[in-house]
Amino acid sequence: MLYATDVFLTPKQNIGIKEDEARTKQGILTKLASIQHQAAAMITGAMKTTATDALEVMANLLPFHMVVDRHRHQAALRLATLPESHLLHKPVRNAANKLVK
């Protein structure tokens, strides 16, 4: 479900982003969060109208925006620890000092 989230679910930035792109990303997050809500309701056996926060606590799940942040952080850490012999080491090192679109 979170395959390639580090590519298409970038953090919110107001720098050089179009309003349509921001809405699209928010729409994707909302749809994925609703899937987690359904899964939490199935895990706990609760009704559909139960609050998402309560379901996540009862199912012992992280809130979805934190899951996405964690996944993106792991991907960044994985890229940052590449050995110097790796082909992506130099582009990642150069990108670390800049805002990449």
PDB file of N, CA and C in Angstrom:
ATOM      1  N   MET A   1       0.819  -1.192   0.000  1.00  0.00           N
ATOM      2  CA  MET A   1       0.000   0.000   0.000  1.00  0.00           C
ATOM      3  C   MET A   1       0.864   1.259   0.000  1.00  0.00           C
ATOM      4  N   LEU A   2       2.036   1.186   0.597  1.00  0.00           N
ATOM      5  CA  LEU A   2       2.890   2.364   0.678  1.00  0.00           C
ATOM      6  C   LEU A   2       4.066   2.302  -0.291  1.00  0.00           C
ATOM      7  N   TYR A   3       3.951   1.495  -1.322  1.00  0.00           N
ATOM      8  CA  TYR A   3       5.035   1.376  -2.289  1.00  0.00           C
ATOM      9  C   TYR A   3       5.262   2.728  -2.968  1.00  0.00           C
ATOM     10  N   ALA A   4       6.472   3.208  -2.950  1.00  0.00           N
ATOM     11  CA  ALA A   4       6.904   4.450  -3.593  1.00  0.00           C
ATOM     12  C   ALA A   4       6.274   5.703  -2.985  1.00  0.00           C
ATOM     13  N   THR A   5       5.867   5.646  -1.727  1.00  0.00           N
ATOM     14  CA  THR A   5       5.310   6.848  -1.103  1.00  0.00           C
ATOM     15  C   THR A   5       6.360   7.932  -0.943  1.00  0.00           C
ATOM     16  N   ASP A   6       7.623   7.540  -0.841  1.00  0.00           N
ATOM     17  CA  ASP A   6       8.670   8.548  -0.722  1.00  0.00           C
ATOM     18  C   ASP A   6       8.823   9.340  -2.009  1.00  0.00           C
ATOM     19  N   VAL A   7       8.249   8.856  -3.104  1.00  0.00           N
ATOM     20  CA  VAL A   7       8.315   9.568  -4.379  1.00  0.00           C
ATOM     21  C   VAL A   7       7.078  10.449  -4.584  1.00  0.00           C
ATOM     22  N   PHE A   8       5.881   9.891  -4.386  1.00  0.00           N
ATOM     23  CA  PHE A   8       4.683  10.647  -4.744  1.00  0.00           C
ATOM     24  C   PHE A   8       3.977  11.310  -3.572  1.00  0.00           C
ATOM     25  N   LEU A   9       4.323  10.998  -2.355  1.00  0.00           N
ATOM     26  CA  LEU A   9       3.720  11.674  -1.200  1.00  0.00           C
ATOM     27  C   LEU A   9       4.779  12.501  -0.485  1.00  0.00           C
ATOM     28  N   THR A  10       5.243  13.514  -1.156  1.00  0.00           N
ATOM     29  CA  THR A  10       6.256  14.384  -0.582  1.00  0.00           C
ATOM     30  C   THR A  10       5.634  15.247   0.507  1.00  0.00           C
ATOM     31  N   PRO A  11       6.442  15.771   1.432  1.00  0.00           N
ATOM     32  CA  PRO A  11       5.870  16.600   2.500  1.00  0.00           C
ATOM     33  C   PRO A  11       5.253  17.878   1.954  1.00  0.00           C
ATOM     34  N   LYS A  12       4.361  18.460   2.731  1.00  0.00           N
ATOM     35  CA  LYS A  12       3.701  19.697   2.312  1.00  0.00           C
ATOM     36  C   LYS A  12       4.719  20.824   2.231  1.00  0.00           C
ATOM     37  N   GLN A  13       4.757  21.465   1.079  1.00  0.00           N
ATOM     38  CA  GLN A  13       5.627  22.612   0.881  1.00  0.00           C
ATOM     39  C   GLN A  13       4.853  23.640   0.086  1.00  0.00           C
ATOM     40  N   ASN A  14       4.995  24.886   0.451  1.00  0.00           N
ATOM     41  CA  ASN A  14       4.322  25.953  -0.267  1.00  0.00           C
ATOM     42  C   ASN A  14       5.237  26.602  -1.296  1.00  0.00           C
ATOM     43  N   ILE A  15       6.419  26.054  -1.479  1.00  0.00           N
ATOM     44  CA  ILE A  15       7.403  26.631  -2.384  1.00  0.00           C
ATOM     45  C   ILE A  15       7.222  26.023  -3.769  1.00  0.00           C
ATOM     46  N   GLY A  16       6.795  26.825  -4.713  1.00  0.00           N
ATOM     47  CA  GLY A  16       6.715  26.400  -6.096  1.00  0.00           C
ATOM     48  C   GLY A  16       5.768  25.245  -6.360  1.00  0.00           C
ATOM     49  N   ILE A  17       4.740  25.085  -5.570  1.00  0.00           N
ATOM     50  CA  ILE A  17       3.797  23.996  -5.787  1.00  0.00           C
ATOM     51  C   ILE A  17       2.468  24.567  -6.266  1.00  0.00           C
ATOM     52  N   LYS A  18       1.906  23.902  -7.237  1.00  0.00           N
ATOM     53  CA  LYS A  18       0.616  24.352  -7.754  1.00  0.00           C
ATOM     54  C   LYS A  18      -0.492  23.876  -6.828  1.00  0.00           C
ATOM     55  N   GLU A  19      -1.573  24.618  -6.810  1.00  0.00           N
ATOM     56  CA  GLU A  19      -2.687  24.287  -5.920  1.00  0.00           C
ATOM     57  C   GLU A  19      -3.318  22.948  -6.282  1.00  0.00           C
ATOM     58  N   ASP A  20      -3.372  22.628  -7.587  1.00  0.00           N
ATOM     59  CA  ASP A  20      -3.949  21.360  -8.027  1.00  0.00           C
ATOM     60  C   ASP A  20      -3.126  20.177  -7.519  1.00  0.00           C
ATOM     61  N   GLU A  21      -1.797  20.318  -7.557  1.00  0.00           N
ATOM     62  CA  GLU A  21      -0.928  19.247  -7.073  1.00  0.00           C
ATOM     63  C   GLU A  21      -1.126  19.020  -5.582  1.00  0.00           C
ATOM     64  N   ALA A  22      -1.270  20.094  -4.828  1.00  0.00           N
ATOM     65  CA  ALA A  22      -1.473  19.978  -3.382  1.00  0.00           C
ATOM     66  C   ALA A  22      -2.785  19.262  -3.081  1.00  0.00           C
ATOM     67  N   ARG A  23      -3.829  19.599  -3.844  1.00  0.00           N
ATOM     68  CA  ARG A  23      -5.119  18.940  -3.643  1.00  0.00           C
ATOM     69  C   ARG A  23      -5.042  17.463  -4.010  1.00  0.00           C
ATOM     70  N   THR A  24      -4.306  17.144  -5.071  1.00  0.00           N
ATOM     71  CA  THR A  24      -4.171  15.744  -5.488  1.00  0.00           C
ATOM     72  C   THR A  24      -3.470  14.933  -4.415  1.00  0.00           C
ATOM     73  N   LYS A  25      -2.377  15.468  -3.867  1.00  0.00           N
ATOM     74  CA  LYS A  25      -1.656  14.759  -2.819  1.00  0.00           C
ATOM     75  C   LYS A  25      -2.523  14.576  -1.583  1.00  0.00           C
ATOM     76  N   GLN A  26      -3.275  15.611  -1.232  1.00  0.00           N
ATOM     77  CA  GLN A  26      -4.162  15.509  -0.074  1.00  0.00           C
ATOM     78  C   GLN A  26      -5.252  14.478  -0.330  1.00  0.00           C
ATOM     79  N   GLY A  27      -5.747  14.420  -1.572  1.00  0.00           N
ATOM     80  CA  GLY A  27      -6.767  13.436  -1.923  1.00  0.00           C
ATOM     81  C   GLY A  27      -6.248  12.015  -1.809  1.00  0.00           C
ATOM     82  N   ILE A  28      -5.009  11.799  -2.238  1.00  0.00           N
ATOM     83  CA  ILE A  28      -4.402  10.466  -2.134  1.00  0.00           C
ATOM     84  C   ILE A  28      -4.248  10.085  -0.665  1.00  0.00           C
ATOM     85  N   LEU A  29      -3.767  11.018   0.150  1.00  0.00           N
ATOM     86  CA  LEU A  29      -3.619  10.744   1.584  1.00  0.00           C
ATOM     87  C   LEU A  29      -4.961  10.412   2.232  1.00  0.00           C
ATOM     88  N   THR A  30      -5.983  11.147   1.852  1.00  0.00           N
ATOM     89  CA  THR A  30      -7.315  10.911   2.422  1.00  0.00           C
ATOM     90  C   THR A  30      -7.830   9.526   2.053  1.00  0.00           C
ATOM     91  N   LYS A  31      -7.642   9.131   0.800  1.00  0.00           N
ATOM     92  CA  LYS A  31      -8.111   7.809   0.361  1.00  0.00           C
ATOM     93  C   LYS A  31      -7.353   6.689   1.062  1.00  0.00           C
ATOM     94  N   LEU A  32      -6.038   6.837   1.181  1.00  0.00           N
ATOM     95  CA  LEU A  32      -5.257   5.813   1.870  1.00  0.00           C
ATOM     96  C   LEU A  32      -5.600   5.761   3.358  1.00  0.00           C
ATOM     97  N   ALA A  33      -5.859   6.910   3.963  1.00  0.00           N
ATOM     98  CA  ALA A  33      -6.245   6.936   5.376  1.00  0.00           C
ATOM     99  C   ALA A  33      -7.603   6.267   5.587  1.00  0.00           C
ATOM    100  N   SER A  34      -8.500   6.396   4.611  1.00  0.00           N
ATOM    101  CA  SER A  34      -9.806   5.744   4.746  1.00  0.00           C
ATOM    102  C   SER A  34      -9.662   4.226   4.663  1.00  0.00           C
ATOM    103  N   ILE A  35      -8.694   3.757   3.897  1.00  0.00           N
ATOM    104  CA  ILE A  35      -8.432   2.316   3.851  1.00  0.00           C
ATOM    105  C   ILE A  35      -7.933   1.828   5.207  1.00  0.00           C
ATOM    106  N   GLN A  36      -7.052   2.614   5.842  1.00  0.00           N
ATOM    107  CA  GLN A  36      -6.583   2.242   7.169  1.00  0.00           C
ATOM    108  C   GLN A  36      -7.738   2.268   8.164  1.00  0.00           C
ATOM    109  N   HIS A  37      -8.650   3.223   8.016  1.00  0.00           N
ATOM    110  CA  HIS A  37      -9.823   3.284   8.897  1.00  0.00           C
ATOM    111  C   HIS A  37     -10.659   2.015   8.758  1.00  0.00           C
ATOM    112  N   GLN A  38     -10.886   1.570   7.520  1.00  0.00           N
ATOM    113  CA  GLN A  38     -11.662   0.345   7.290  1.00  0.00           C
ATOM    114  C   GLN A  38     -10.963  -0.866   7.894  1.00  0.00           C
ATOM    115  N   ALA A  39      -9.636  -0.941   7.726  1.00  0.00           N
ATOM    116  CA  ALA A  39      -8.890  -2.063   8.287  1.00  0.00           C
ATOM    117  C   ALA A  39      -8.959  -2.049   9.816  1.00  0.00           C
ATOM    118  N   ALA A  40      -8.847  -0.877  10.415  1.00  0.00           N
ATOM    119  CA  ALA A  40      -8.936  -0.781  11.878  1.00  0.00           C
ATOM    120  C   ALA A  40     -10.323  -1.175  12.365  1.00  0.00           C
ATOM    121  N   ALA A  41     -11.350  -0.814  11.610  1.00  0.00           N
ATOM    122  CA  ALA A  41     -12.708  -1.213  11.992  1.00  0.00           C
ATOM    123  C   ALA A  41     -12.874  -2.729  11.903  1.00  0.00           C
ATOM    124  N   MET A  42     -12.272  -3.339  10.907  1.00  0.00           N
ATOM    125  CA  MET A  42     -12.335  -4.801  10.790  1.00  0.00           C
ATOM    126  C   MET A  42     -11.556  -5.477  11.916  1.00  0.00           C
ATOM    127  N   ILE A  43     -10.392  -4.919  12.252  1.00  0.00           N
ATOM    128  CA  ILE A  43      -9.562  -5.501  13.314  1.00  0.00           C
ATOM    129  C   ILE A  43     -10.292  -5.472  14.643  1.00  0.00           C
ATOM    130  N   THR A  44     -10.916  -4.345  14.944  1.00  0.00           N
ATOM    131  CA  THR A  44     -11.550  -4.182  16.255  1.00  0.00           C
ATOM    132  C   THR A  44     -12.995  -4.665  16.286  1.00  0.00           C
ATOM    133  N   GLY A  45     -13.608  -4.797  15.123  1.00  0.00           N
ATOM    134  CA  GLY A  45     -15.017  -5.181  15.080  1.00  0.00           C
ATOM    135  C   GLY A  45     -15.950  -4.026  15.399  1.00  0.00           C
ATOM    136  N   ALA A  46     -15.460  -2.816  15.272  1.00  0.00           N
ATOM    137  CA  ALA A  46     -16.252  -1.633  15.586  1.00  0.00           C
ATOM    138  C   ALA A  46     -17.151  -1.257  14.409  1.00  0.00           C
ATOM    139  N   MET A  47     -18.057  -0.324  14.663  1.00  0.00           N
ATOM    140  CA  MET A  47     -18.936   0.168  13.606  1.00  0.00           C
ATOM    141  C   MET A  47     -18.189   1.153  12.715  1.00  0.00           C
ATOM    142  N   LYS A  48     -18.749   1.392  11.512  1.00  0.00           N
ATOM    143  CA  LYS A  48     -18.119   2.311  10.566  1.00  0.00           C
ATOM    144  C   LYS A  48     -18.066   3.733  11.086  1.00  0.00           C
ATOM    145  N   THR A  49     -18.994   4.101  11.930  1.00  0.00           N
ATOM    146  CA  THR A  49     -19.091   5.486  12.391  1.00  0.00           C
ATOM    147  C   THR A  49     -18.173   5.792  13.569  1.00  0.00           C
ATOM    148  N   THR A  50     -17.414   4.805  14.039  1.00  0.00           N
ATOM    149  CA  THR A  50     -16.493   5.032  15.148  1.00  0.00           C
ATOM    150  C   THR A  50     -15.376   5.974  14.695  1.00  0.00           C
ATOM    151  N   ALA A  51     -14.970   6.874  15.559  1.00  0.00           N
ATOM    152  CA  ALA A  51     -13.923   7.843  15.230  1.00  0.00           C
ATOM    153  C   ALA A  51     -12.617   7.139  14.884  1.00  0.00           C
ATOM    154  N   THR A  52     -11.933   7.672  13.885  1.00  0.00           N
ATOM    155  CA  THR A  52     -10.690   7.075  13.420  1.00  0.00           C
ATOM    156  C   THR A  52      -9.640   7.048  14.523  1.00  0.00           C
ATOM    157  N   ASP A  53      -9.541   8.125  15.288  1.00  0.00           N
ATOM    158  CA  ASP A  53      -8.551   8.175  16.369  1.00  0.00           C
ATOM    159  C   ASP A  53      -8.765   7.045  17.370  1.00  0.00           C
ATOM    160  N   ALA A  54     -10.017   6.811  17.735  1.00  0.00           N
ATOM    161  CA  ALA A  54     -10.324   5.755  18.691  1.00  0.00           C
ATOM    162  C   ALA A  54     -10.014   4.375  18.112  1.00  0.00           C
ATOM    163  N   LEU A  55     -10.336   4.186  16.837  1.00  0.00           N
ATOM    164  CA  LEU A  55     -10.046   2.910  16.190  1.00  0.00           C
ATOM    165  C   LEU A  55      -8.555   2.629  16.140  1.00  0.00           C
ATOM    166  N   GLU A  56      -7.774   3.655  15.814  1.00  0.00           N
ATOM    167  CA  GLU A  56      -6.327   3.464  15.715  1.00  0.00           C
ATOM    168  C   GLU A  56      -5.724   3.129  17.072  1.00  0.00           C
ATOM    169  N   VAL A  57      -6.249   3.724  18.133  1.00  0.00           N
ATOM    170  CA  VAL A  57      -5.760   3.408  19.474  1.00  0.00           C
ATOM    171  C   VAL A  57      -6.114   1.979  19.840  1.00  0.00           C
ATOM    172  N   MET A  58      -7.368   1.582  19.581  1.00  0.00           N
ATOM    173  CA  MET A  58      -7.795   0.226  19.929  1.00  0.00           C
ATOM    174  C   MET A  58      -7.080  -0.838  19.101  1.00  0.00           C
ATOM    175  N   ALA A  59      -6.757  -0.529  17.844  1.00  0.00           N
ATOM    176  CA  ALA A  59      -6.075  -1.479  16.971  1.00  0.00           C
ATOM    177  C   ALA A  59      -4.556  -1.384  17.088  1.00  0.00           C
ATOM    178  N   ASN A  60      -4.078  -0.471  17.925  1.00  0.00           N
ATOM    179  CA  ASN A  60      -2.646  -0.264  18.122  1.00  0.00           C
ATOM    180  C   ASN A  60      -1.947   0.103  16.814  1.00  0.00           C
ATOM    181  N   LEU A  61      -2.538   1.038  16.069  1.00  0.00           N
ATOM    182  CA  LEU A  61      -1.982   1.518  14.809  1.00  0.00           C
ATOM    183  C   LEU A  61      -1.547   2.968  14.955  1.00  0.00           C
ATOM    184  N   LEU A  62      -0.519   3.344  14.197  1.00  0.00           N
ATOM    185  CA  LEU A  62      -0.124   4.748  14.141  1.00  0.00           C
ATOM    186  C   LEU A  62      -1.111   5.512  13.267  1.00  0.00           C
ATOM    187  N   PRO A  63      -1.325   6.800  13.527  1.00  0.00           N
ATOM    188  CA  PRO A  63      -2.116   7.607  12.600  1.00  0.00           C
ATOM    189  C   PRO A  63      -1.465   7.583  11.219  1.00  0.00           C
ATOM    190  N   PHE A  64      -2.283   7.638  10.171  1.00  0.00           N
ATOM    191  CA  PHE A  64      -1.767   7.381   8.828  1.00  0.00           C
ATOM    192  C   PHE A  64      -0.716   8.390   8.393  1.00  0.00           C
ATOM    193  N   HIS A  65      -0.893   9.665   8.747  1.00  0.00           N
ATOM    194  CA  HIS A  65       0.121  10.643   8.333  1.00  0.00           C
ATOM    195  C   HIS A  65       1.468  10.340   8.977  1.00  0.00           C
ATOM    196  N   MET A  66       1.458   9.755  10.176  1.00  0.00           N
ATOM    197  CA  MET A  66       2.712   9.377  10.820  1.00  0.00           C
ATOM    198  C   MET A  66       3.316   8.140  10.167  1.00  0.00           C
ATOM    199  N   VAL A  67       2.480   7.238   9.678  1.00  0.00           N
ATOM    200  CA  VAL A  67       2.974   6.060   8.958  1.00  0.00           C
ATOM    201  C   VAL A  67       3.696   6.499   7.691  1.00  0.00           C
ATOM    202  N   VAL A  68       3.096   7.447   6.968  1.00  0.00           N
ATOM    203  CA  VAL A  68       3.710   7.946   5.736  1.00  0.00           C
ATOM    204  C   VAL A  68       5.018   8.657   6.057  1.00  0.00           C
ATOM    205  N   ASP A  69       5.042   9.495   7.102  1.00  0.00           N
ATOM    206  CA  ASP A  69       6.272  10.192   7.487  1.00  0.00           C
ATOM    207  C   ASP A  69       7.369   9.196   7.876  1.00  0.00           C
ATOM    208  N   ARG A  70       6.992   8.159   8.595  1.00  0.00           N
ATOM    209  CA  ARG A  70       7.954   7.136   9.001  1.00  0.00           C
ATOM    210  C   ARG A  70       8.532   6.417   7.784  1.00  0.00           C
ATOM    211  N   HIS A  71       7.663   6.086   6.840  1.00  0.00           N
ATOM    212  CA  HIS A  71       8.108   5.387   5.629  1.00  0.00           C
ATOM    213  C   HIS A  71       9.063   6.268   4.820  1.00  0.00           C
ATOM    214  N   ARG A  72       8.722   7.553   4.691  1.00  0.00           N
ATOM    215  CA  ARG A  72       9.585   8.479   3.953  1.00  0.00           C
ATOM    216  C   ARG A  72      10.924   8.671   4.670  1.00  0.00           C
ATOM    217  N   HIS A  73      10.886   8.732   5.989  1.00  0.00           N
ATOM    218  CA  HIS A  73      12.116   8.891   6.760  1.00  0.00           C
ATOM    219  C   HIS A  73      13.023   7.673   6.576  1.00  0.00           C
ATOM    220  N   GLN A  74      12.453   6.480   6.588  1.00  0.00           N
ATOM    221  CA  GLN A  74      13.241   5.273   6.374  1.00  0.00           C
ATOM    222  C   GLN A  74      13.882   5.267   4.993  1.00  0.00           C
ATOM    223  N   ALA A  75      13.138   5.716   3.980  1.00  0.00           N
ATOM    224  CA  ALA A  75      13.691   5.768   2.621  1.00  0.00           C
ATOM    225  C   ALA A  75      14.835   6.768   2.535  1.00  0.00           C
ATOM    226  N   ALA A  76      14.682   7.926   3.185  1.00  0.00           N
ATOM    227  CA  ALA A  76      15.746   8.930   3.178  1.00  0.00           C
ATOM    228  C   ALA A  76      16.975   8.420   3.914  1.00  0.00           C
ATOM    229  N   LEU A  77      16.768   7.735   5.012  1.00  0.00           N
ATOM    230  CA  LEU A  77      17.878   7.173   5.767  1.00  0.00           C
ATOM    231  C   LEU A  77      18.608   6.104   4.957  1.00  0.00           C
ATOM    232  N   ARG A  78      17.846   5.297   4.255  1.00  0.00           N
ATOM    233  CA  ARG A  78      18.437   4.264   3.409  1.00  0.00           C
ATOM    234  C   ARG A  78      19.308   4.895   2.315  1.00  0.00           C
ATOM    235  N   LEU A  79      18.830   5.978   1.714  1.00  0.00           N
ATOM    236  CA  LEU A  79      19.614   6.663   0.688  1.00  0.00           C
ATOM    237  C   LEU A  79      20.840   7.357   1.281  1.00  0.00           C
ATOM    238  N   ALA A  80      20.699   7.911   2.463  1.00  0.00           N
ATOM    239  CA  ALA A  80      21.801   8.641   3.086  1.00  0.00           C
ATOM    240  C   ALA A  80      22.939   7.722   3.515  1.00  0.00           C
ATOM    241  N   THR A  81      22.658   6.449   3.728  1.00  0.00           N
ATOM    242  CA  THR A  81      23.687   5.526   4.196  1.00  0.00           C
ATOM    243  C   THR A  81      24.261   4.672   3.077  1.00  0.00           C
ATOM    244  N   LEU A  82      24.051   5.077   1.826  1.00  0.00           N
ATOM    245  CA  LEU A  82      24.632   4.331   0.713  1.00  0.00           C
ATOM    246  C   LEU A  82      26.151   4.465   0.737  1.00  0.00           C
ATOM    247  N   PRO A  83      26.876   3.409   0.386  1.00  0.00           N
ATOM    248  CA  PRO A  83      28.340   3.512   0.350  1.00  0.00           C
ATOM    249  C   PRO A  83      28.801   4.400  -0.802  1.00  0.00           C
ATOM    250  N   GLU A  84      30.002   4.906  -0.715  1.00  0.00           N
ATOM    251  CA  GLU A  84      30.525   5.799  -1.742  1.00  0.00           C
ATOM    252  C   GLU A  84      30.646   5.120  -3.102  1.00  0.00           C
ATOM    253  N   SER A  85      30.732   3.818  -3.119  1.00  0.00           N
ATOM    254  CA  SER A  85      30.857   3.101  -4.384  1.00  0.00           C
ATOM    255  C   SER A  85      29.523   2.964  -5.121  1.00  0.00           C
ATOM    256  N   HIS A  86      28.422   3.283  -4.451  1.00  0.00           N
ATOM    257  CA  HIS A  86      27.103   3.168  -5.073  1.00  0.00           C
ATOM    258  C   HIS A  86      26.888   4.308  -6.067  1.00  0.00           C
ATOM    259  N   LEU A  87      26.182   4.001  -7.160  1.00  0.00           N
ATOM    260  CA  LEU A  87      25.960   5.000  -8.203  1.00  0.00           C
ATOM    261  C   LEU A  87      25.119   6.190  -7.735  1.00  0.00           C
ATOM    262  N   LEU A  88      24.246   5.995  -6.777  1.00  0.00           N
ATOM    263  CA  LEU A  88      23.392   7.082  -6.307  1.00  0.00           C
ATOM    264  C   LEU A  88      24.008   7.915  -5.188  1.00  0.00           C
ATOM    265  N   HIS A  89      25.185   7.549  -4.733  1.00  0.00           N
ATOM    266  CA  HIS A  89      25.775   8.261  -3.595  1.00  0.00           C
ATOM    267  C   HIS A  89      26.017   9.742  -3.909  1.00  0.00           C
ATOM    268  N   LYS A  90      26.606  10.042  -5.035  1.00  0.00           N
ATOM    269  CA  LYS A  90      26.925  11.427  -5.377  1.00  0.00           C
ATOM    270  C   LYS A  90      25.666  12.278  -5.592  1.00  0.00           C
ATOM    271  N   PRO A  91      24.652  11.812  -6.374  1.00  0.00           N
ATOM    272  CA  PRO A  91      23.438  12.633  -6.515  1.00  0.00           C
ATOM    273  C   PRO A  91      22.700  12.856  -5.194  1.00  0.00           C
ATOM    274  N   VAL A  92      22.691  11.853  -4.344  1.00  0.00           N
ATOM    275  CA  VAL A  92      22.014  12.005  -3.043  1.00  0.00           C
ATOM    276  C   VAL A  92      22.769  12.998  -2.172  1.00  0.00           C
ATOM    277  N   ARG A  93      24.078  12.943  -2.185  1.00  0.00           N
ATOM    278  CA  ARG A  93      24.888  13.893  -1.401  1.00  0.00           C
ATOM    279  C   ARG A  93      24.684  15.319  -1.904  1.00  0.00           C
ATOM    280  N   ASN A  94      24.625  15.491  -3.233  1.00  0.00           N
ATOM    281  CA  ASN A  94      24.391  16.830  -3.799  1.00  0.00           C
ATOM    282  C   ASN A  94      22.986  17.332  -3.473  1.00  0.00           C
ATOM    283  N   ALA A  95      22.005  16.448  -3.481  1.00  0.00           N
ATOM    284  CA  ALA A  95      20.620  16.836  -3.220  1.00  0.00           C
ATOM    285  C   ALA A  95      20.383  17.154  -1.742  1.00  0.00           C
ATOM    286  N   ALA A  96      21.250  16.695  -0.880  1.00  0.00           N
ATOM    287  CA  ALA A  96      21.057  16.917   0.558  1.00  0.00           C
ATOM    288  C   ALA A  96      21.145  18.396   0.917  1.00  0.00           C
ATOM    289  N   ASN A  97      21.818  19.189   0.116  1.00  0.00           N
ATOM    290  CA  ASN A  97      21.999  20.603   0.423  1.00  0.00           C
ATOM    291  C   ASN A  97      20.995  21.504  -0.288  1.00  0.00           C
ATOM    292  N   LYS A  98      20.110  20.927  -1.098  1.00  0.00           N
ATOM    293  CA  LYS A  98      19.190  21.725  -1.909  1.00  0.00           C
ATOM    294  C   LYS A  98      17.755  21.263  -1.701  1.00  0.00           C
ATOM    295  N   LEU A  99      16.823  22.132  -2.083  1.00  0.00           N
ATOM    296  CA  LEU A  99      15.424  21.761  -2.125  1.00  0.00           C
ATOM    297  C   LEU A  99      15.174  21.145  -3.508  1.00  0.00           C
ATOM    298  N   VAL A 100      14.842  19.876  -3.533  1.00  0.00           N
ATOM    299  CA  VAL A 100      14.651  19.164  -4.785  1.00  0.00           C
ATOM    300  C   VAL A 100      13.167  19.108  -5.099  1.00  0.00           C
ATOM    301  N   LYS A 101      12.805  19.466  -6.328  1.00  0.00           N
ATOM    302  CA  LYS A 101      11.394  19.400  -6.715  1.00  0.00           C
ATOM    303  C   LYS A 101      11.044  17.993  -7.140  1.00  0.00           C
TER     304      LYS A 101
END
